[in-house]
Amino acid sequence: MSSNSTDTARADYQAGKAAFERGEYRKAVQSLEAASALVLPMSHFGGEVQIWLVTAYEAMGQRSEALALCREVSRHPDLQIRDQGRRLLYILEAPRLTTRPEWLTQIPDLTALGDNDARDRLTAATISPNKPPEKPAFQLEEVVDPRQVNMQANRFVWVALGIAAFVLGGLLWFM
């Protein structure tokens, strides 16, 4: 493999990872497939490319391709890549959990909104100026009036202090 193809493969690999992390799975699959075609599949770098390609396939919904490639990666000669492939295969082959619709939150599709549409933006002018500011849950400014403190209920504190003093005195006596 030439230096030029290695550089191209690394560039495609980095572009694929970046596209995957941005959620652009189609671009990620294209870049990672291009990188995979340029590297030796049994090298460590080739294994890394294949691991990322498996996750990109799964994110694209191409489960059969992801499983087939993951089975190959789980037999990779590099121990670290092989272990990652086995863990990933275990996850991919796990049974799907069923969810009820009421457990899910529907996220609205915001792609139809324009960037310059003033109606879609929340501005300071749209916030009600009559709304009083929210009071924080915890305030340090609260001052307790000493006349409201029940001093009679604090006899336990004096008893506890007396017992502690007795125990400390006893310890000092025996030393």
Protein backbone atom coordinates (compact mmCIF):
# COMPACT_ATOMS: atom_id res chain seq x y z
CA MET A 1 0.00 0.00 0.00
CA SER A 2 1.46 3.35 -1.04
CA SER A 3 1.89 6.41 1.14
CA ASN A 4 -0.63 8.31 -0.98
CA SER A 5 -3.35 5.69 -0.52
CA THR A 6 -2.62 5.55 3.22
CA ASP A 7 -3.03 9.32 3.50
CA THR A 8 -6.24 9.16 1.48
CA ALA A 9 -7.53 6.32 3.67
CA ARG A 10 -6.74 8.26 6.85
CA ALA A 11 -8.47 11.36 5.46
CA ASP A 12 -11.55 9.30 4.50
CA TYR A 13 -11.51 7.64 7.92
CA GLN A 14 -11.40 10.99 9.75
CA ALA A 15 -14.13 12.39 7.48
CA GLY A 16 -16.27 9.32 8.16
CA LYS A 17 -15.83 9.59 11.92
CA ALA A 18 -16.64 13.30 11.85
CA ALA A 19 -19.74 12.72 9.71
CA PHE A 20 -20.88 9.94 12.05
CA GLU A 21 -20.50 12.16 15.09
CA ARG A 22 -22.54 14.88 13.37
CA GLY A 23 -25.29 12.36 12.63
CA GLU A 24 -24.66 12.31 8.88
CA TYR A 25 -24.65 8.52 8.64
CA ARG A 26 -24.91 8.27 4.84
CA LYS A 27 -21.78 10.41 4.42
CA ALA A 28 -20.09 8.40 7.17
CA VAL A 29 -20.81 5.10 5.41
CA GLN A 30 -19.51 6.47 2.09
CA SER A 31 -16.29 7.81 3.62
CA LEU A 32 -15.65 4.72 5.73
CA GLU A 33 -16.30 2.37 2.80
CA ALA A 34 -13.80 4.38 0.74
CA ALA A 35 -11.26 4.15 3.57
CA SER A 36 -11.91 0.44 3.99
CA ALA A 37 -11.23 -0.18 0.32
CA LEU A 38 -7.82 1.52 0.61
CA VAL A 39 -6.48 -0.25 3.72
CA LEU A 40 -5.44 -3.79 4.47
CA PRO A 41 -8.43 -5.33 6.28
CA MET A 42 -6.26 -7.41 8.62
CA SER A 43 -4.18 -4.44 9.85
CA HIS A 44 -4.97 -2.64 13.08
CA PHE A 45 -6.02 0.49 11.20
CA GLY A 46 -8.14 -1.60 8.85
CA GLY A 47 -9.89 -3.08 11.88
CA GLU A 48 -10.60 0.37 13.31
CA VAL A 49 -12.12 1.44 10.01
CA GLN A 50 -14.28 -1.68 9.96
CA ILE A 51 -15.49 -1.13 13.54
CA TRP A 52 -16.58 2.40 12.66
CA LEU A 53 -18.17 1.10 9.47
CA VAL A 54 -20.19 -1.44 11.47
CA THR A 55 -21.56 1.31 13.72
CA ALA A 56 -22.33 3.51 10.71
CA TYR A 57 -24.18 0.64 9.00
CA GLU A 58 -26.21 0.07 12.14
CA ALA A 59 -27.01 3.78 12.42
CA MET A 60 -28.16 3.79 8.79
CA GLY A 61 -30.45 0.85 9.47
CA GLN A 62 -28.40 -1.57 7.36
CA ARG A 63 -28.44 -4.24 10.03
CA SER A 64 -27.57 -7.22 7.81
CA GLU A 65 -24.43 -5.47 6.47
CA ALA A 66 -23.47 -4.46 10.01
CA LEU A 67 -23.86 -8.00 11.31
CA ALA A 68 -21.92 -9.56 8.40
CA LEU A 69 -19.03 -7.12 8.77
CA CYS A 70 -19.07 -7.45 12.55
CA ARG A 71 -18.75 -11.23 12.28
CA GLU A 72 -15.66 -10.72 10.11
CA VAL A 73 -14.21 -8.21 12.57
CA SER A 74 -14.78 -10.61 15.48
CA ARG A 75 -12.25 -12.94 13.77
CA HIS A 76 -9.65 -10.18 13.21
CA PRO A 77 -6.01 -11.09 13.95
CA ASP A 78 -5.50 -8.03 16.18
CA LEU A 79 -6.63 -8.90 19.73
CA GLN A 80 -7.97 -5.44 20.57
CA ILE A 81 -10.00 -5.21 17.35
CA ARG A 82 -11.24 -8.79 17.78
CA ASP A 83 -12.45 -8.04 21.33
CA GLN A 84 -14.22 -4.87 20.17
CA GLY A 85 -15.81 -6.81 17.35
CA ARG A 86 -17.05 -9.52 19.70
CA ARG A 87 -18.53 -6.97 22.10
CA LEU A 88 -20.19 -5.15 19.25
CA LEU A 89 -21.53 -8.40 17.79
CA TYR A 90 -22.97 -9.31 21.20
CA ILE A 91 -24.81 -5.98 21.27
CA LEU A 92 -26.04 -6.26 17.68
CA GLU A 93 -27.33 -9.79 18.16
CA ALA A 94 -29.14 -8.95 21.40
CA PRO A 95 -32.91 -9.14 21.17
CA ARG A 96 -34.74 -5.88 20.59
CA LEU A 97 -36.80 -4.65 23.50
CA THR A 98 -40.35 -3.71 22.77
CA THR A 99 -41.51 -0.28 23.81
CA ARG A 100 -44.96 1.07 24.20
CA PRO A 101 -45.85 4.29 22.38
CA GLU A 102 -46.67 6.12 25.61
CA TRP A 103 -43.08 5.63 26.77
CA LEU A 104 -41.71 7.58 23.83
CA THR A 105 -41.55 11.30 23.27
CA GLN A 106 -42.21 12.49 19.76
CA ILE A 107 -39.70 15.09 18.58
CA PRO A 108 -41.15 17.43 15.97
CA ASP A 109 -39.46 17.72 12.58
CA LEU A 110 -37.97 21.22 12.42
CA THR A 111 -36.34 20.91 8.99
CA ALA A 112 -39.19 22.83 7.31
CA LEU A 113 -38.55 25.92 9.44
CA GLY A 114 -36.64 28.70 7.79
CA ASP A 115 -33.60 30.29 9.38
CA ASN A 116 -34.86 33.84 8.83
CA ASP A 117 -38.48 33.33 9.81
CA ALA A 118 -39.13 35.77 12.67
CA ARG A 119 -42.26 33.92 13.78
CA ASP A 120 -40.21 30.86 14.71
CA ARG A 121 -37.85 32.59 17.09
CA LEU A 122 -38.49 33.38 20.72
CA THR A 123 -37.28 36.89 21.41
CA ALA A 124 -37.33 39.20 24.39
CA ALA A 125 -40.32 41.01 22.90
CA THR A 126 -42.42 37.82 22.93
CA ILE A 127 -41.79 37.09 26.61
CA SER A 128 -44.45 38.51 28.90
CA PRO A 129 -43.01 41.47 30.84
CA ASN A 130 -45.72 41.13 33.54
CA LYS A 131 -44.47 37.80 34.77
CA PRO A 132 -42.72 38.17 38.15
CA PRO A 133 -39.28 36.62 38.43
CA GLU A 134 -39.18 33.17 39.93
CA LYS A 135 -38.11 32.96 43.55
CA PRO A 136 -35.16 30.62 44.09
CA ALA A 137 -35.82 27.55 46.19
CA PHE A 138 -33.01 28.34 48.66
CA GLN A 139 -32.22 31.78 50.02
CA LEU A 140 -29.37 32.73 52.30
CA GLU A 141 -30.99 36.01 53.37
CA GLU A 142 -33.46 34.38 55.76
CA VAL A 143 -32.73 35.55 59.29
CA VAL A 144 -34.13 33.60 62.24
CA ASP A 145 -35.54 35.63 65.08
CA PRO A 146 -33.94 34.33 68.32
CA ARG A 147 -37.21 34.89 70.20
CA GLN A 148 -38.87 32.26 68.00
CA VAL A 149 -36.32 29.55 68.83
CA ASN A 150 -37.57 27.06 71.42
CA MET A 151 -34.74 26.90 73.95
CA GLN A 152 -36.54 24.35 76.15
CA ALA A 153 -36.34 21.72 73.40
CA ASN A 154 -32.56 22.03 73.38
CA ARG A 155 -32.04 20.16 76.69
CA PHE A 156 -30.88 17.19 74.66
CA VAL A 157 -27.93 19.24 73.40
CA TRP A 158 -26.85 20.02 76.96
CA VAL A 159 -27.21 16.39 78.01
CA ALA A 160 -25.17 15.27 74.98
CA LEU A 161 -22.47 17.84 75.70
CA GLY A 162 -22.34 16.69 79.33
CA ILE A 163 -21.94 13.04 78.33
CA ALA A 164 -19.24 13.96 75.80
CA ALA A 165 -17.37 15.95 78.45
CA PHE A 166 -17.65 13.03 80.91
CA VAL A 167 -16.30 10.57 78.31
CA LEU A 168 -13.40 12.88 77.37
CA GLY A 169 -12.60 13.44 81.04
CA GLY A 170 -12.57 9.70 81.60
CA LEU A 171 -10.24 9.16 78.67
CA LEU A 172 -7.86 11.83 79.94
CA TRP A 173 -7.92 10.32 83.44
CA PHE A 174 -6.85 6.87 82.18
CA MET A 175 -4.02 8.20 80.02
